[in-house]
N, C-alpha and C. Protein backbone atom coordinates (compact mmCIF):
# COMPACT_ATOMS: atom_id res chain seq x y z
N MET A 1 0.83 -1.17 0.00
CA MET A 1 0.00 0.00 0.00
C MET A 1 0.89 1.25 0.00
N LYS A 2 0.58 2.19 -0.83
CA LYS A 2 1.32 3.45 -0.90
C LYS A 2 0.72 4.45 0.08
N ILE A 3 1.59 5.27 0.66
CA ILE A 3 1.20 6.32 1.60
C ILE A 3 1.45 7.66 0.92
N ILE A 4 0.46 8.53 0.98
CA ILE A 4 0.54 9.85 0.36
C ILE A 4 0.79 10.90 1.43
N LEU A 5 1.82 11.71 1.23
CA LEU A 5 2.11 12.86 2.08
C LEU A 5 1.49 14.09 1.44
N ILE A 6 0.70 14.80 2.22
CA ILE A 6 0.21 16.12 1.83
C ILE A 6 0.70 17.07 2.90
N LEU A 7 1.56 18.01 2.52
CA LEU A 7 2.20 18.91 3.45
C LEU A 7 2.00 20.35 2.98
N VAL A 8 1.69 21.23 3.91
CA VAL A 8 1.53 22.64 3.60
C VAL A 8 2.49 23.43 4.48
N LEU A 9 3.36 24.21 3.83
CA LEU A 9 4.24 25.14 4.54
C LEU A 9 3.57 26.50 4.53
N PHE A 10 3.36 27.08 5.71
CA PHE A 10 2.73 28.39 5.81
C PHE A 10 3.78 29.47 5.56
N ASN A 11 3.47 30.43 4.69
CA ASN A 11 4.37 31.54 4.42
C ASN A 11 3.51 32.76 4.12
N LEU A 12 3.50 33.71 5.06
CA LEU A 12 2.64 34.88 4.90
C LEU A 12 3.12 35.82 3.81
N GLN A 13 4.42 35.83 3.51
CA GLN A 13 4.94 36.73 2.49
C GLN A 13 4.64 36.24 1.07
N SER A 14 4.91 34.99 0.79
CA SER A 14 4.78 34.50 -0.58
C SER A 14 3.61 33.54 -0.79
N GLY A 15 2.87 33.25 0.26
CA GLY A 15 1.76 32.30 0.15
C GLY A 15 2.19 30.91 0.55
N SER A 16 1.24 30.11 0.95
CA SER A 16 1.53 28.75 1.40
C SER A 16 1.99 27.89 0.23
N GLU A 17 2.84 26.93 0.57
CA GLU A 17 3.37 26.00 -0.43
C GLU A 17 2.85 24.61 -0.11
N VAL A 18 2.27 23.94 -1.10
CA VAL A 18 1.75 22.58 -0.92
C VAL A 18 2.74 21.60 -1.54
N ILE A 19 3.06 20.57 -0.77
CA ILE A 19 3.98 19.53 -1.23
C ILE A 19 3.27 18.19 -1.11
N THR A 20 3.34 17.38 -2.16
CA THR A 20 2.80 16.02 -2.10
C THR A 20 3.89 15.04 -2.53
N ALA A 21 3.84 13.86 -1.96
CA ALA A 21 4.81 12.81 -2.30
C ALA A 21 4.19 11.47 -1.94
N GLU A 22 4.76 10.41 -2.48
CA GLU A 22 4.27 9.06 -2.24
C GLU A 22 5.39 8.22 -1.61
N PHE A 23 5.01 7.41 -0.62
CA PHE A 23 5.98 6.58 0.10
C PHE A 23 5.46 5.16 0.24
N ASP A 24 6.37 4.25 0.59
CA ASP A 24 6.00 2.85 0.76
C ASP A 24 5.45 2.54 2.15
N ASP A 25 5.73 3.43 3.14
CA ASP A 25 5.22 3.18 4.49
C ASP A 25 5.06 4.50 5.25
N ASP A 26 4.32 4.41 6.37
CA ASP A 26 4.03 5.59 7.19
C ASP A 26 5.30 6.24 7.73
N ARG A 27 6.23 5.44 8.18
CA ARG A 27 7.45 5.97 8.81
C ARG A 27 8.24 6.83 7.82
N ALA A 28 8.40 6.37 6.60
CA ALA A 28 9.12 7.15 5.58
C ALA A 28 8.41 8.47 5.31
N CYS A 29 7.09 8.43 5.30
CA CYS A 29 6.29 9.63 5.07
C CYS A 29 6.50 10.63 6.21
N GLU A 30 6.41 10.15 7.43
CA GLU A 30 6.58 11.02 8.60
C GLU A 30 7.98 11.61 8.67
N LEU A 31 9.00 10.81 8.34
CA LEU A 31 10.38 11.33 8.34
C LEU A 31 10.57 12.41 7.27
N ALA A 32 9.94 12.25 6.12
CA ALA A 32 10.03 13.26 5.07
C ALA A 32 9.39 14.56 5.53
N ALA A 33 8.26 14.47 6.21
CA ALA A 33 7.60 15.67 6.74
C ALA A 33 8.50 16.35 7.77
N LEU A 34 9.08 15.56 8.68
CA LEU A 34 9.98 16.12 9.69
C LEU A 34 11.16 16.84 9.05
N ARG A 35 11.79 16.21 8.07
CA ARG A 35 12.94 16.84 7.38
C ARG A 35 12.53 18.15 6.70
N THR A 36 11.34 18.17 6.14
CA THR A 36 10.87 19.40 5.49
C THR A 36 10.74 20.52 6.51
N PHE A 37 10.14 20.24 7.65
CA PHE A 37 9.97 21.27 8.68
C PHE A 37 11.30 21.65 9.33
N GLN A 38 12.24 20.71 9.38
CA GLN A 38 13.57 21.04 9.89
C GLN A 38 14.30 22.01 8.98
N GLY A 39 13.88 22.12 7.74
CA GLY A 39 14.43 23.12 6.84
C GLY A 39 13.96 24.53 7.19
N VAL A 40 12.91 24.62 8.00
CA VAL A 40 12.36 25.91 8.43
C VAL A 40 12.85 26.25 9.84
N THR A 41 12.85 25.27 10.72
CA THR A 41 13.28 25.46 12.10
C THR A 41 14.00 24.18 12.56
N ALA A 42 15.07 24.35 13.32
CA ALA A 42 15.91 23.21 13.70
C ALA A 42 15.15 22.12 14.45
N GLU A 43 14.26 22.50 15.35
CA GLU A 43 13.54 21.52 16.15
C GLU A 43 12.04 21.80 16.09
N PRO A 44 11.38 21.37 15.02
CA PRO A 44 9.94 21.61 14.93
C PRO A 44 9.17 20.83 15.98
N ASP A 45 8.11 21.43 16.48
CA ASP A 45 7.21 20.78 17.43
C ASP A 45 6.04 20.25 16.63
N LEU A 46 5.92 18.94 16.51
CA LEU A 46 4.87 18.30 15.72
C LEU A 46 3.85 17.68 16.66
N ARG A 47 2.59 18.12 16.51
CA ARG A 47 1.51 17.62 17.36
C ARG A 47 0.25 17.41 16.54
N PRO A 48 -0.60 16.46 16.96
CA PRO A 48 -1.87 16.28 16.25
C PRO A 48 -2.66 17.59 16.23
N LEU A 49 -3.30 17.85 15.12
CA LEU A 49 -4.12 19.05 14.97
C LEU A 49 -5.34 18.95 15.87
N GLU A 50 -5.55 19.99 16.66
CA GLU A 50 -6.74 20.08 17.50
C GLU A 50 -7.58 21.23 16.96
N PRO A 51 -8.67 20.91 16.27
CA PRO A 51 -9.47 21.96 15.65
C PRO A 51 -10.11 22.89 16.68
N ALA A 52 -10.32 24.12 16.27
CA ALA A 52 -10.90 25.13 17.15
C ALA A 52 -12.41 25.03 17.18
N GLY A 53 -12.98 25.42 18.29
CA GLY A 53 -14.40 25.65 18.42
C GLY A 53 -15.35 24.56 17.99
N GLY A 54 -15.11 23.33 18.41
CA GLY A 54 -16.06 22.26 18.13
C GLY A 54 -16.02 21.70 16.72
N ALA A 55 -15.05 22.12 15.92
CA ALA A 55 -14.92 21.56 14.58
C ALA A 55 -14.51 20.10 14.67
N THR A 56 -14.82 19.34 13.65
CA THR A 56 -14.46 17.93 13.60
C THR A 56 -12.99 17.78 13.24
N PRO A 57 -12.23 16.98 14.02
CA PRO A 57 -10.82 16.79 13.68
C PRO A 57 -10.65 15.98 12.40
N ILE A 58 -9.56 16.23 11.73
CA ILE A 58 -9.20 15.45 10.55
C ILE A 58 -8.16 14.44 11.01
N ASP A 59 -8.54 13.16 11.03
CA ASP A 59 -7.64 12.12 11.53
C ASP A 59 -6.30 12.15 10.82
N GLY A 60 -5.24 12.05 11.60
CA GLY A 60 -3.91 11.96 11.03
C GLY A 60 -3.26 13.28 10.65
N THR A 61 -3.95 14.40 10.86
CA THR A 61 -3.36 15.68 10.51
C THR A 61 -2.51 16.18 11.66
N VAL A 62 -1.30 16.62 11.33
CA VAL A 62 -0.33 17.08 12.32
C VAL A 62 0.01 18.54 12.02
N ILE A 63 0.08 19.36 13.07
CA ILE A 63 0.46 20.76 12.92
C ILE A 63 1.92 20.90 13.37
N ALA A 64 2.68 21.74 12.68
CA ALA A 64 4.08 21.97 13.01
C ALA A 64 4.24 23.40 13.50
N ARG A 65 4.99 23.55 14.60
CA ARG A 65 5.26 24.87 15.16
C ARG A 65 6.77 25.04 15.31
N ASP A 66 7.21 26.31 15.26
CA ASP A 66 8.62 26.60 15.50
C ASP A 66 8.86 26.73 17.00
N SER A 67 10.08 27.08 17.40
CA SER A 67 10.44 27.15 18.82
C SER A 67 9.69 28.25 19.56
N ASP A 68 9.13 29.22 18.84
CA ASP A 68 8.34 30.28 19.46
C ASP A 68 6.87 29.94 19.55
N GLY A 69 6.48 28.78 19.03
CA GLY A 69 5.10 28.35 19.05
C GLY A 69 4.29 28.78 17.84
N ALA A 70 4.92 29.47 16.89
CA ALA A 70 4.21 29.91 15.69
C ALA A 70 4.00 28.72 14.75
N GLU A 71 2.81 28.63 14.17
CA GLU A 71 2.50 27.55 13.24
C GLU A 71 3.27 27.77 11.94
N ILE A 72 4.00 26.73 11.52
CA ILE A 72 4.79 26.83 10.29
C ILE A 72 4.26 25.92 9.19
N GLY A 73 3.33 25.04 9.53
CA GLY A 73 2.77 24.16 8.52
C GLY A 73 1.97 23.04 9.11
N MET A 74 1.52 22.17 8.23
CA MET A 74 0.77 20.99 8.66
C MET A 74 0.95 19.90 7.62
N TYR A 75 0.74 18.65 8.06
CA TYR A 75 0.84 17.54 7.11
C TYR A 75 -0.05 16.39 7.53
N SER A 76 -0.23 15.50 6.58
CA SER A 76 -0.97 14.27 6.81
C SER A 76 -0.36 13.17 5.95
N CYS A 77 -0.21 11.98 6.52
CA CYS A 77 0.25 10.80 5.79
C CYS A 77 -0.91 9.80 5.79
N ASN A 78 -1.45 9.53 4.61
CA ASN A 78 -2.62 8.65 4.51
C ASN A 78 -2.45 7.65 3.38
N PRO A 79 -3.10 6.48 3.52
CA PRO A 79 -3.05 5.49 2.44
C PRO A 79 -3.64 6.07 1.16
N SER A 80 -3.03 5.71 0.05
CA SER A 80 -3.54 6.13 -1.25
C SER A 80 -4.88 5.45 -1.50
N ARG A 81 -5.85 6.21 -1.91
CA ARG A 81 -7.18 5.65 -2.20
C ARG A 81 -7.21 4.93 -3.54
N SER A 82 -6.18 5.14 -4.35
CA SER A 82 -6.17 4.51 -5.68
C SER A 82 -5.51 3.14 -5.68
N ASP A 83 -4.85 2.74 -4.59
CA ASP A 83 -4.22 1.42 -4.53
C ASP A 83 -5.23 0.31 -4.71
N GLY A 84 -5.01 -0.50 -5.71
CA GLY A 84 -5.80 -1.68 -5.91
C GLY A 84 -7.22 -1.43 -6.39
N GLN A 85 -7.54 -0.22 -6.78
CA GLN A 85 -8.89 0.09 -7.26
C GLN A 85 -8.85 0.34 -8.73
N ASN A 86 -9.84 -0.12 -9.42
CA ASN A 86 -9.96 0.12 -10.87
C ASN A 86 -11.02 1.18 -11.13
N GLY A 87 -10.66 2.14 -12.07
CA GLY A 87 -11.54 3.14 -12.58
C GLY A 87 -12.54 3.62 -11.67
């Protein structure tokens, strides 16, 4: 089963950047997300997304913060829905 990474880097000056990639397992996907955020801040704080005000959480979504607590992005690693499915 393939795992799809969907990652968004927040950038107020130039706009958010969306990155997608495919991996063979969850661990490889999570490590790729970590390395991406380490390019922004040396020690990103990665935690499950907790939606505001009674909104429904999106399973598997992680928010990344820098050392000051500012949100720098978010990502999710999920199984590809196209694996083994025809048309």
